[in-house]
Amino acid sequence: MFKNILILGANSDIAMAIAGSLLREEAEGLSCLHLASKNTNVLKKRVEDMRIKGISVEKVQVHLFDALDFSTHASFFDGLSPRPDCVIAAFGYLGDQIRAQASFEEARRVIDVNFAGAVSILEIVADYFGKKGEGMIVGISSVAGVRGRKANYIYGAAKAGMSAYLSGLRNRLYEKNVHVITVLPGFVATKMTAHLDLPPLLTATPQDAAKDIITAMKKKKNIIYTKGIWRLIMCIIRHIPENIFKKLNL
């Protein structure tokens, strides 16, 4: 594993589950865990909650990071000490599909958080890792990006862009000894999806997702689905003929 890890969007439930697992199970080899979010007050409270539960947080540093404040991304990354050797991009915004159809402001927020913000910060990370000749980038995308559906096609389009971006980044950085992992979660029971009626058998917990992601990091996987059943589900959905797919209520 890596000594200095940065988690962007650390207030997300999946990010906190990853942080908790790293601090419990990988603490011996960990020198610093950078946790970054636009709401550092909430993040500090969540770190304190981990401490109260008996998890050592001495190696944790909390930082302010706003995915939409593009002009600050370079100075944010340059200011990290120690510099990370692994970066996990866990920030995202589901948004509201109906509102996004009526308001470009909402649509743009969905696109900027899930795609443009990731490109902005990860290009800086990629340049640093490429020059260094080592490192790992983990990007959390979504199965929603595999094929557009009327229920969330704005979000899906942003995540499709994210997945394509990570694929190109993986291809670009391979010869630089920098590994890139694309994470494709299906349904995950988080605060972002709390308003949705999710099918239990297809829904992962944040802890499930964290376990899959950390395993993928250790094994240097390229693309993972969590839960794994989503690989089969999306394979089927991907191959439904368009003349049929457009009539489905998905």
Protein backbone atom coordinates (compact mmCIF):
# COMPACT_ATOMS: atom_id res chain seq x y z
CA MET A 1 0.00 0.00 0.00
CA PHE A 2 0.92 3.67 0.03
CA LYS A 3 2.43 5.83 2.76
CA ASN A 4 0.74 9.15 1.99
CA ILE A 5 -2.83 9.06 0.71
CA LEU A 6 -5.11 11.94 -0.26
CA ILE A 7 -8.89 11.46 -0.31
CA LEU A 8 -10.78 14.21 -2.14
CA GLY A 9 -14.42 14.61 -1.19
CA ALA A 10 -13.66 13.04 2.17
CA ASN A 11 -17.09 13.82 3.63
CA SER A 12 -18.77 11.32 1.34
CA ASP A 13 -19.86 8.12 3.05
CA ILE A 14 -17.68 5.95 0.80
CA ALA A 15 -14.67 8.20 1.43
CA MET A 16 -15.13 8.02 5.20
CA ALA A 17 -15.46 4.25 5.02
CA ILE A 18 -12.19 4.10 3.05
CA ALA A 19 -10.51 6.39 5.59
CA GLY A 20 -11.72 4.28 8.51
CA SER A 21 -10.52 1.06 6.89
CA LEU A 22 -7.11 2.54 6.10
CA LEU A 23 -6.67 3.82 9.65
CA ARG A 24 -7.76 0.52 11.20
CA GLU A 25 -6.15 -2.00 8.87
CA GLU A 26 -3.31 -0.23 7.05
CA ALA A 27 -2.13 2.11 9.80
CA GLU A 28 1.28 0.46 10.21
CA GLY A 29 2.40 1.40 6.70
CA LEU A 30 0.56 4.72 6.59
CA SER A 31 2.47 7.94 7.28
CA CYS A 32 -0.22 10.51 6.46
CA LEU A 33 -3.87 10.44 5.45
CA HIS A 34 -4.93 13.73 3.89
CA LEU A 35 -8.70 14.23 4.04
CA ALA A 36 -10.02 17.09 1.92
CA SER A 37 -13.53 18.52 1.63
CA LYS A 38 -15.28 21.84 1.07
CA ASN A 39 -16.90 21.51 4.52
CA THR A 40 -14.02 21.11 6.93
CA ASN A 41 -16.19 21.67 10.01
CA VAL A 42 -18.24 18.56 9.28
CA LEU A 43 -15.10 16.68 8.29
CA LYS A 44 -13.37 17.51 11.58
CA LYS A 45 -16.43 16.26 13.47
CA ARG A 46 -16.38 12.99 11.52
CA VAL A 47 -12.69 12.54 12.25
CA GLU A 48 -13.41 13.17 15.93
CA ASP A 49 -16.17 10.53 15.77
CA MET A 50 -13.60 8.03 14.53
CA ARG A 51 -11.32 8.92 17.41
CA ILE A 52 -14.15 8.42 19.92
CA LYS A 53 -14.77 4.99 18.40
CA GLY A 54 -11.17 4.04 19.14
CA ILE A 55 -9.58 4.67 15.75
CA SER A 56 -6.23 6.47 15.92
CA VAL A 57 -6.42 9.67 13.88
CA GLU A 58 -2.93 10.99 14.63
CA LYS A 59 -1.91 10.53 11.00
CA VAL A 60 -4.90 12.48 9.65
CA GLN A 61 -4.65 15.98 8.18
CA VAL A 62 -7.83 17.88 7.27
CA HIS A 63 -7.81 20.27 4.30
CA LEU A 64 -10.21 22.60 2.52
CA PHE A 65 -10.93 21.51 -1.06
CA ASP A 66 -13.74 22.69 -3.32
CA ALA A 67 -14.09 20.74 -6.56
CA LEU A 68 -15.72 23.77 -8.21
CA ASP A 69 -13.04 26.28 -7.21
CA PHE A 70 -10.78 25.35 -10.11
CA SER A 71 -8.36 28.25 -9.64
CA THR A 72 -7.30 26.94 -6.21
CA HIS A 73 -6.58 23.35 -7.21
CA ALA A 74 -2.90 23.81 -8.07
CA SER A 75 -2.08 25.71 -4.87
CA PHE A 76 -4.07 23.19 -2.83
CA PHE A 77 -2.09 20.25 -4.16
CA ASP A 78 1.25 22.04 -4.00
CA GLY A 79 0.59 22.91 -0.36
CA LEU A 80 0.18 19.32 0.83
CA SER A 81 2.97 18.07 3.07
CA PRO A 82 3.92 15.32 2.73
CA ARG A 83 2.93 15.04 -0.91
CA PRO A 84 0.61 12.09 -1.56
CA ASP A 85 1.66 9.01 -3.50
CA CYS A 86 -1.98 7.95 -3.95
CA VAL A 87 -5.01 10.14 -4.65
CA ILE A 88 -8.61 8.97 -4.34
CA ALA A 89 -11.22 11.21 -6.01
CA ALA A 90 -14.45 10.45 -4.14
CA PHE A 91 -16.44 13.67 -4.58
CA GLY A 92 -19.67 13.73 -6.52
CA TYR A 93 -23.10 15.29 -6.85
CA LEU A 94 -26.19 13.31 -7.88
CA GLY A 95 -28.30 16.38 -8.47
CA ASP A 96 -31.93 16.36 -9.54
CA GLN A 97 -32.69 15.17 -13.08
CA ILE A 98 -36.00 17.01 -13.44
CA ARG A 99 -34.51 20.25 -12.14
CA ALA A 100 -31.48 19.81 -14.41
CA GLN A 101 -33.77 19.46 -17.43
CA ALA A 102 -35.36 22.81 -16.61
CA SER A 103 -32.34 24.67 -15.29
CA PHE A 104 -28.93 24.69 -16.92
CA GLU A 105 -27.54 25.97 -13.62
CA GLU A 106 -28.40 22.62 -12.01
CA ALA A 107 -27.22 20.66 -15.05
CA ARG A 108 -23.93 22.53 -15.06
CA ARG A 109 -23.39 21.87 -11.35
CA VAL A 110 -23.86 18.14 -11.94
CA ILE A 111 -21.40 18.23 -14.84
CA ASP A 112 -18.84 20.44 -13.14
CA VAL A 113 -18.71 18.51 -9.86
CA ASN A 114 -18.68 15.04 -11.39
CA PHE A 115 -16.49 15.71 -14.43
CA ALA A 116 -14.86 19.13 -14.78
CA GLY A 117 -13.77 19.29 -11.15
CA ALA A 118 -12.21 15.86 -11.39
CA VAL A 119 -10.35 16.74 -14.58
CA SER A 120 -9.08 19.98 -13.05
CA ILE A 121 -7.48 18.42 -9.97
CA LEU A 122 -6.48 15.07 -11.46
CA GLU A 123 -4.54 16.65 -14.33
CA ILE A 124 -2.43 18.38 -11.67
CA VAL A 125 -1.98 15.07 -9.84
CA ALA A 126 -1.20 13.24 -13.08
CA ASP A 127 1.49 15.74 -14.00
CA TYR A 128 3.12 15.39 -10.57
CA PHE A 129 2.98 11.57 -10.54
CA GLY A 130 4.15 11.37 -14.15
CA LYS A 131 7.26 13.42 -13.43
CA LYS A 132 7.89 11.45 -10.25
CA GLY A 133 7.53 8.14 -12.10
CA GLU A 134 5.18 6.50 -9.59
CA GLY A 135 1.83 6.86 -7.91
CA MET A 136 -1.80 5.78 -8.04
CA ILE A 137 -5.04 7.56 -8.90
CA VAL A 138 -8.40 6.11 -7.92
CA GLY A 139 -11.46 7.72 -9.47
CA ILE A 140 -14.98 6.92 -8.32
CA SER A 141 -17.28 7.06 -11.33
CA SER A 142 -20.62 5.23 -11.60
CA VAL A 143 -22.49 2.53 -13.51
CA ALA A 144 -24.82 5.40 -14.48
CA GLY A 145 -22.19 6.37 -17.05
CA VAL A 146 -22.34 3.06 -18.90
CA ARG A 147 -25.55 3.95 -20.74
CA GLY A 148 -27.81 6.97 -20.60
CA ARG A 149 -31.22 6.50 -18.97
CA LYS A 150 -34.03 9.04 -18.70
CA ALA A 151 -33.99 8.79 -14.90
CA ASN A 152 -30.55 10.39 -14.56
CA TYR A 153 -28.97 11.07 -17.95
CA ILE A 154 -27.35 14.37 -16.91
CA TYR A 155 -25.54 12.68 -14.03
CA GLY A 156 -24.91 9.65 -16.25
CA ALA A 157 -23.38 11.82 -18.97
CA ALA A 158 -21.01 13.42 -16.45
CA LYS A 159 -19.99 10.02 -15.11
CA ALA A 160 -19.56 8.67 -18.66
CA GLY A 161 -17.13 11.52 -19.21
CA MET A 162 -15.38 10.67 -15.95
CA SER A 163 -15.00 7.02 -16.95
CA ALA A 164 -13.65 7.90 -20.39
CA TYR A 165 -11.27 10.40 -18.80
CA LEU A 166 -9.91 7.83 -16.35
CA SER A 167 -9.46 5.35 -19.20
CA GLY A 168 -7.39 7.87 -21.15
CA LEU A 169 -5.43 8.81 -18.05
CA ARG A 170 -4.65 5.14 -17.42
CA ASN A 171 -3.40 4.79 -20.99
CA ARG A 172 -1.32 7.98 -20.77
CA LEU A 173 0.29 7.20 -17.41
CA TYR A 174 0.98 3.49 -17.88
CA GLU A 175 4.46 4.12 -19.27
CA LYS A 176 5.12 6.48 -16.35
CA ASN A 177 4.55 3.71 -13.79
CA VAL A 178 1.40 5.44 -12.52
CA HIS A 179 -1.64 3.23 -12.04
CA VAL A 180 -5.22 4.47 -12.51
CA ILE A 181 -8.28 2.65 -11.17
CA THR A 182 -11.85 3.29 -12.29
CA VAL A 183 -14.45 2.46 -9.64
CA LEU A 184 -18.00 1.86 -10.88
CA PRO A 185 -20.40 1.64 -7.95
CA GLY A 186 -23.98 0.56 -8.50
CA PHE A 187 -26.47 1.37 -5.77
CA VAL A 188 -24.77 2.38 -2.52
CA ALA A 189 -26.70 3.25 0.64
CA THR A 190 -25.30 6.72 1.36
CA LYS A 191 -26.67 10.12 2.32
CA MET A 192 -26.63 11.01 -1.40
CA THR A 193 -29.09 8.18 -2.17
CA ALA A 194 -31.09 8.29 1.09
CA HIS A 195 -34.17 9.60 -0.74
CA LEU A 196 -34.21 6.67 -3.19
CA ASP A 197 -35.94 3.30 -2.76
CA LEU A 198 -33.00 0.99 -3.49
CA PRO A 199 -33.25 -2.81 -3.95
CA PRO A 200 -31.45 -4.41 -0.98
CA LEU A 201 -29.87 -7.26 -2.94
CA LEU A 202 -28.21 -4.85 -5.38
CA THR A 203 -27.24 -2.20 -2.84
CA ALA A 204 -23.79 -2.04 -1.25
CA THR A 205 -22.91 -0.36 2.01
CA PRO A 206 -20.14 2.24 2.07
CA GLN A 207 -18.06 -0.35 3.93
CA ASP A 208 -18.61 -2.86 1.11
CA ALA A 209 -17.44 -0.29 -1.42
CA ALA A 210 -14.43 0.66 0.70
CA LYS A 211 -13.36 -2.97 1.01
CA ASP A 212 -13.61 -3.47 -2.77
CA ILE A 213 -11.66 -0.28 -3.47
CA ILE A 214 -8.83 -1.05 -1.05
CA THR A 215 -8.56 -4.58 -2.45
CA ALA A 216 -8.38 -3.11 -5.97
CA MET A 217 -5.61 -0.76 -4.85
CA LYS A 218 -3.57 -3.65 -3.45
CA LYS A 219 -4.08 -5.78 -6.57
CA LYS A 220 -3.71 -2.84 -8.99
CA LYS A 221 -6.98 -3.55 -10.74
CA ASN A 222 -7.98 -1.36 -13.69
CA ILE A 223 -11.78 -1.27 -13.48
CA ILE A 224 -13.97 -2.56 -10.67
CA TYR A 225 -17.69 -2.74 -10.03
CA THR A 226 -19.14 -2.65 -6.53
CA LYS A 227 -21.12 -4.76 -5.92
CA GLY A 228 -19.54 -7.17 -8.40
CA ILE A 229 -22.97 -8.23 -9.73
CA TRP A 230 -23.16 -4.86 -11.46
CA ARG A 231 -20.59 -6.00 -14.00
CA LEU A 232 -23.10 -8.56 -15.28
CA ILE A 233 -26.06 -6.20 -15.01
CA MET A 234 -24.34 -3.46 -17.00
CA CYS A 235 -23.08 -5.95 -19.58
CA ILE A 236 -26.72 -6.89 -20.23
CA ILE A 237 -27.90 -3.28 -20.28
CA ARG A 238 -25.06 -2.27 -22.60
CA HIS A 239 -26.08 -4.88 -25.16
CA ILE A 240 -29.83 -4.19 -25.31
CA PRO A 241 -30.56 -2.96 -28.86
CA GLU A 242 -31.31 0.77 -28.97
CA ASN A 243 -34.71 0.22 -30.59
CA ILE A 244 -35.71 -1.75 -27.50
CA PHE A 245 -33.78 0.23 -24.93
CA LYS A 246 -35.40 3.56 -25.81
CA LYS A 247 -38.83 2.12 -24.95
CA LEU A 248 -37.81 0.87 -21.51
CA ASN A 249 -38.80 2.66 -18.32
CA LEU A 250 -35.34 2.81 -16.73
